[in-house]
Amino acid sequence: MFSGFFQPEDFRYPLKEVNLELVAEGLRTYMADPNYFKTMDPETAAKIRAAVNRSPHLKKVIQFNSLAAGGLIGAGSGNQDEDNQ
């Protein structure tokens, strides 16, 4: 029966890489829409936040719910018809 969701095995990932791919997809989903991810799987979201915050390298690169991201999203939303651009 078709569930509508593809798994790494469907793309012939080697079994030893399946878990890494699932983690990568979880991170991608969380970073794309943190509220959705926290709603759908709050325990995994908490584990991802804890793992990122524990890592001295990742916590400098990945920031969840930062104010900077909101500023960047709004930066390009001005009126594009003005001549002063």
N, C-alpha and C. Protein backbone atom coordinates (compact mmCIF):
# COMPACT_ATOMS: atom_id res chain seq x y z
N MET A 1 0.84 -1.19 0.00
CA MET A 1 0.00 0.00 0.00
C MET A 1 0.88 1.24 0.00
N PHE A 2 0.53 2.23 -0.82
CA PHE A 2 1.31 3.46 -0.96
C PHE A 2 0.94 4.43 0.15
N SER A 3 1.94 4.84 0.92
CA SER A 3 1.67 5.75 2.05
C SER A 3 1.85 7.21 1.66
N GLY A 4 2.46 7.47 0.51
CA GLY A 4 2.71 8.85 0.11
C GLY A 4 4.05 9.38 0.58
N PHE A 5 4.74 8.64 1.40
CA PHE A 5 6.05 9.05 1.90
C PHE A 5 7.11 8.07 1.44
N PHE A 6 8.19 8.61 0.93
CA PHE A 6 9.30 7.77 0.50
C PHE A 6 10.31 7.66 1.62
N GLN A 7 10.93 6.54 1.71
CA GLN A 7 11.97 6.28 2.70
C GLN A 7 13.32 6.16 1.98
N PRO A 8 14.44 6.32 2.70
CA PRO A 8 15.75 6.19 2.05
C PRO A 8 15.92 4.87 1.29
N GLU A 9 15.32 3.82 1.82
CA GLU A 9 15.45 2.51 1.16
C GLU A 9 14.82 2.54 -0.24
N ASP A 10 13.79 3.37 -0.42
CA ASP A 10 13.15 3.49 -1.73
C ASP A 10 14.11 4.06 -2.78
N PHE A 11 15.12 4.78 -2.31
CA PHE A 11 16.12 5.37 -3.20
C PHE A 11 17.42 4.58 -3.20
N ARG A 12 17.34 3.35 -2.69
CA ARG A 12 18.46 2.40 -2.67
C ARG A 12 19.66 2.87 -1.84
N TYR A 13 19.37 3.57 -0.75
CA TYR A 13 20.45 3.90 0.17
C TYR A 13 20.95 2.61 0.80
N PRO A 14 22.26 2.47 1.00
CA PRO A 14 22.76 1.31 1.73
C PRO A 14 22.21 1.32 3.16
N LEU A 15 21.95 0.15 3.71
CA LEU A 15 21.37 0.07 5.06
C LEU A 15 22.17 0.84 6.09
N LYS A 16 23.49 0.88 5.95
CA LYS A 16 24.31 1.58 6.95
C LYS A 16 24.15 3.10 6.87
N GLU A 17 23.55 3.62 5.79
CA GLU A 17 23.36 5.07 5.64
C GLU A 17 21.92 5.52 5.88
N VAL A 18 21.02 4.59 6.09
CA VAL A 18 19.60 4.93 6.24
C VAL A 18 19.37 5.85 7.44
N ASN A 19 19.92 5.53 8.59
CA ASN A 19 19.72 6.36 9.78
C ASN A 19 20.30 7.75 9.61
N LEU A 20 21.47 7.85 8.98
CA LEU A 20 22.07 9.17 8.75
C LEU A 20 21.19 10.01 7.83
N GLU A 21 20.61 9.38 6.81
CA GLU A 21 19.72 10.11 5.91
C GLU A 21 18.45 10.56 6.62
N LEU A 22 17.92 9.72 7.49
CA LEU A 22 16.73 10.11 8.25
C LEU A 22 17.03 11.29 9.17
N VAL A 23 18.20 11.29 9.79
CA VAL A 23 18.60 12.41 10.64
C VAL A 23 18.75 13.68 9.80
N ALA A 24 19.39 13.56 8.65
CA ALA A 24 19.56 14.72 7.77
C ALA A 24 18.21 15.27 7.32
N GLU A 25 17.28 14.41 6.98
CA GLU A 25 15.95 14.86 6.56
C GLU A 25 15.20 15.50 7.73
N GLY A 26 15.38 14.97 8.92
CA GLY A 26 14.77 15.58 10.10
C GLY A 26 15.31 16.98 10.34
N LEU A 27 16.62 17.16 10.24
CA LEU A 27 17.22 18.48 10.40
C LEU A 27 16.73 19.44 9.32
N ARG A 28 16.64 18.95 8.09
CA ARG A 28 16.17 19.80 7.00
C ARG A 28 14.74 20.26 7.26
N THR A 29 13.90 19.33 7.68
CA THR A 29 12.50 19.66 7.97
C THR A 29 12.40 20.64 9.13
N TYR A 30 13.18 20.40 10.17
CA TYR A 30 13.15 21.29 11.34
C TYR A 30 13.58 22.69 10.95
N MET A 31 14.65 22.81 10.17
CA MET A 31 15.15 24.13 9.80
C MET A 31 14.20 24.84 8.84
N ALA A 32 13.49 24.09 8.02
CA ALA A 32 12.55 24.70 7.08
C ALA A 32 11.29 25.21 7.78
N ASP A 33 10.82 24.47 8.76
CA ASP A 33 9.58 24.86 9.45
C ASP A 33 9.60 24.31 10.88
N PRO A 34 10.29 25.02 11.79
CA PRO A 34 10.43 24.52 13.16
C PRO A 34 9.10 24.30 13.87
N ASN A 35 8.13 25.17 13.66
CA ASN A 35 6.85 25.01 14.35
C ASN A 35 6.14 23.74 13.92
N TYR A 36 6.16 23.44 12.64
CA TYR A 36 5.55 22.21 12.14
C TYR A 36 6.23 21.00 12.77
N PHE A 37 7.57 21.02 12.75
CA PHE A 37 8.32 19.87 13.27
C PHE A 37 8.04 19.68 14.76
N LYS A 38 8.03 20.79 15.52
CA LYS A 38 7.77 20.70 16.96
C LYS A 38 6.36 20.20 17.25
N THR A 39 5.42 20.53 16.38
CA THR A 39 4.05 20.06 16.55
C THR A 39 3.95 18.57 16.24
N MET A 40 4.58 18.15 15.16
CA MET A 40 4.48 16.77 14.70
C MET A 40 5.29 15.79 15.56
N ASP A 41 6.45 16.23 16.03
CA ASP A 41 7.31 15.33 16.80
C ASP A 41 8.12 16.13 17.83
N PRO A 42 7.48 16.56 18.91
CA PRO A 42 8.16 17.42 19.89
C PRO A 42 9.36 16.75 20.58
N GLU A 43 9.29 15.44 20.79
CA GLU A 43 10.41 14.77 21.45
C GLU A 43 11.66 14.78 20.56
N THR A 44 11.49 14.51 19.27
CA THR A 44 12.63 14.54 18.36
C THR A 44 13.15 15.96 18.21
N ALA A 45 12.26 16.94 18.15
CA ALA A 45 12.68 18.34 18.06
C ALA A 45 13.55 18.71 19.26
N ALA A 46 13.16 18.28 20.44
CA ALA A 46 13.94 18.57 21.64
C ALA A 46 15.31 17.89 21.58
N LYS A 47 15.34 16.67 21.06
CA LYS A 47 16.62 15.96 20.93
C LYS A 47 17.53 16.65 19.93
N ILE A 48 16.97 17.14 18.83
CA ILE A 48 17.77 17.85 17.83
C ILE A 48 18.33 19.13 18.43
N ARG A 49 17.49 19.91 19.12
CA ARG A 49 17.97 21.14 19.76
C ARG A 49 19.08 20.85 20.75
N ALA A 50 18.90 19.81 21.56
CA ALA A 50 19.91 19.46 22.57
C ALA A 50 21.22 19.06 21.91
N ALA A 51 21.15 18.27 20.84
CA ALA A 51 22.37 17.82 20.16
C ALA A 51 23.09 18.99 19.51
N VAL A 52 22.35 19.89 18.88
CA VAL A 52 22.97 21.05 18.24
C VAL A 52 23.58 21.96 19.31
N ASN A 53 22.87 22.20 20.39
CA ASN A 53 23.38 23.10 21.43
C ASN A 53 24.58 22.52 22.17
N ARG A 54 24.71 21.20 22.21
CA ARG A 54 25.88 20.57 22.86
C ARG A 54 27.13 20.65 22.00
N SER A 55 26.96 20.73 20.70
CA SER A 55 28.10 20.71 19.78
C SER A 55 28.73 22.09 19.65
N PRO A 56 30.02 22.21 19.97
CA PRO A 56 30.65 23.53 19.86
C PRO A 56 30.71 24.03 18.41
N HIS A 57 30.68 23.12 17.45
CA HIS A 57 30.73 23.52 16.04
C HIS A 57 29.34 23.84 15.50
N LEU A 58 28.38 22.96 15.76
CA LEU A 58 27.04 23.15 15.22
C LEU A 58 26.32 24.35 15.81
N LYS A 59 26.50 24.60 17.10
CA LYS A 59 25.75 25.69 17.72
C LYS A 59 26.17 27.06 17.18
N LYS A 60 27.33 27.14 16.52
CA LYS A 60 27.75 28.39 15.89
C LYS A 60 27.14 28.55 14.51
N VAL A 61 26.73 27.44 13.91
CA VAL A 61 26.24 27.47 12.53
C VAL A 61 24.72 27.38 12.46
N ILE A 62 24.12 26.52 13.29
CA ILE A 62 22.68 26.30 13.26
C ILE A 62 22.05 26.99 14.46
N GLN A 63 21.13 27.89 14.18
CA GLN A 63 20.42 28.58 15.26
C GLN A 63 18.94 28.45 14.99
N PHE A 64 18.21 27.86 15.90
CA PHE A 64 16.78 27.68 15.76
C PHE A 64 16.06 28.89 16.33
N ASN A 65 15.04 29.35 15.63
CA ASN A 65 14.19 30.45 16.09
C ASN A 65 14.97 31.72 16.39
N SER A 66 15.94 32.03 15.54
CA SER A 66 16.73 33.24 15.78
C SER A 66 16.01 34.46 15.24
N LEU A 67 16.26 35.61 15.83
CA LEU A 67 15.68 36.86 15.35
C LEU A 67 16.29 37.25 14.02
N ALA A 68 17.52 36.86 13.76
CA ALA A 68 18.18 37.19 12.50
C ALA A 68 17.44 36.58 11.32
N ALA A 69 16.96 35.38 11.47
CA ALA A 69 16.24 34.73 10.38
C ALA A 69 14.97 35.50 10.05
N GLY A 70 14.27 35.98 11.04
CA GLY A 70 13.07 36.77 10.80
C GLY A 70 13.39 38.07 10.08
N GLY A 71 14.51 38.67 10.44
CA GLY A 71 14.93 39.89 9.76
C GLY A 71 15.29 39.65 8.32
N LEU A 72 15.92 38.54 8.04
CA LEU A 72 16.29 38.23 6.66
C LEU A 72 15.06 37.95 5.82
N ILE A 73 14.08 37.31 6.39
CA ILE A 73 12.86 37.01 5.64
C ILE A 73 12.15 38.31 5.26
N GLY A 74 12.09 39.25 6.17
CA GLY A 74 11.41 40.51 5.89
C GLY A 74 12.22 41.48 5.06
N ALA A 75 13.52 41.25 4.90
CA ALA A 75 14.38 42.18 4.19
C ALA A 75 14.00 42.33 2.73
N GLY A 76 13.53 41.30 2.11
CA GLY A 76 13.20 41.38 0.70
C GLY A 76 11.74 41.61 0.42
N SER A 77 10.97 41.99 1.41
CA SER A 77 9.53 42.09 1.22
C SER A 77 9.05 43.50 0.91
N GLY A 78 9.98 44.43 0.69
CA GLY A 78 9.57 45.80 0.39
C GLY A 78 8.96 45.92 -0.99
N ASN A 79 8.49 47.11 -1.31
CA ASN A 79 7.88 47.37 -2.61
C ASN A 79 8.95 47.36 -3.69
N GLN A 80 8.83 46.48 -4.65
CA GLN A 80 9.83 46.33 -5.70
C GLN A 80 9.58 47.28 -6.86
N ASP A 81 8.49 48.06 -6.83
CA ASP A 81 8.16 48.97 -7.93
C ASP A 81 8.80 50.34 -7.78
N GLU A 82 9.41 50.62 -6.65
CA GLU A 82 10.00 51.93 -6.43
C GLU A 82 11.25 52.10 -7.28
N ASP A 83 11.53 53.34 -7.73
CA ASP A 83 12.67 53.62 -8.58
C ASP A 83 13.99 53.72 -7.82
N ASN A 84 13.94 53.81 -6.50
CA ASN A 84 15.16 54.04 -5.72
C ASN A 84 15.90 52.76 -5.38
N GLN A 85 15.64 51.71 -6.08
CA GLN A 85 16.32 50.43 -5.75
C GLN A 85 17.46 50.18 -6.68
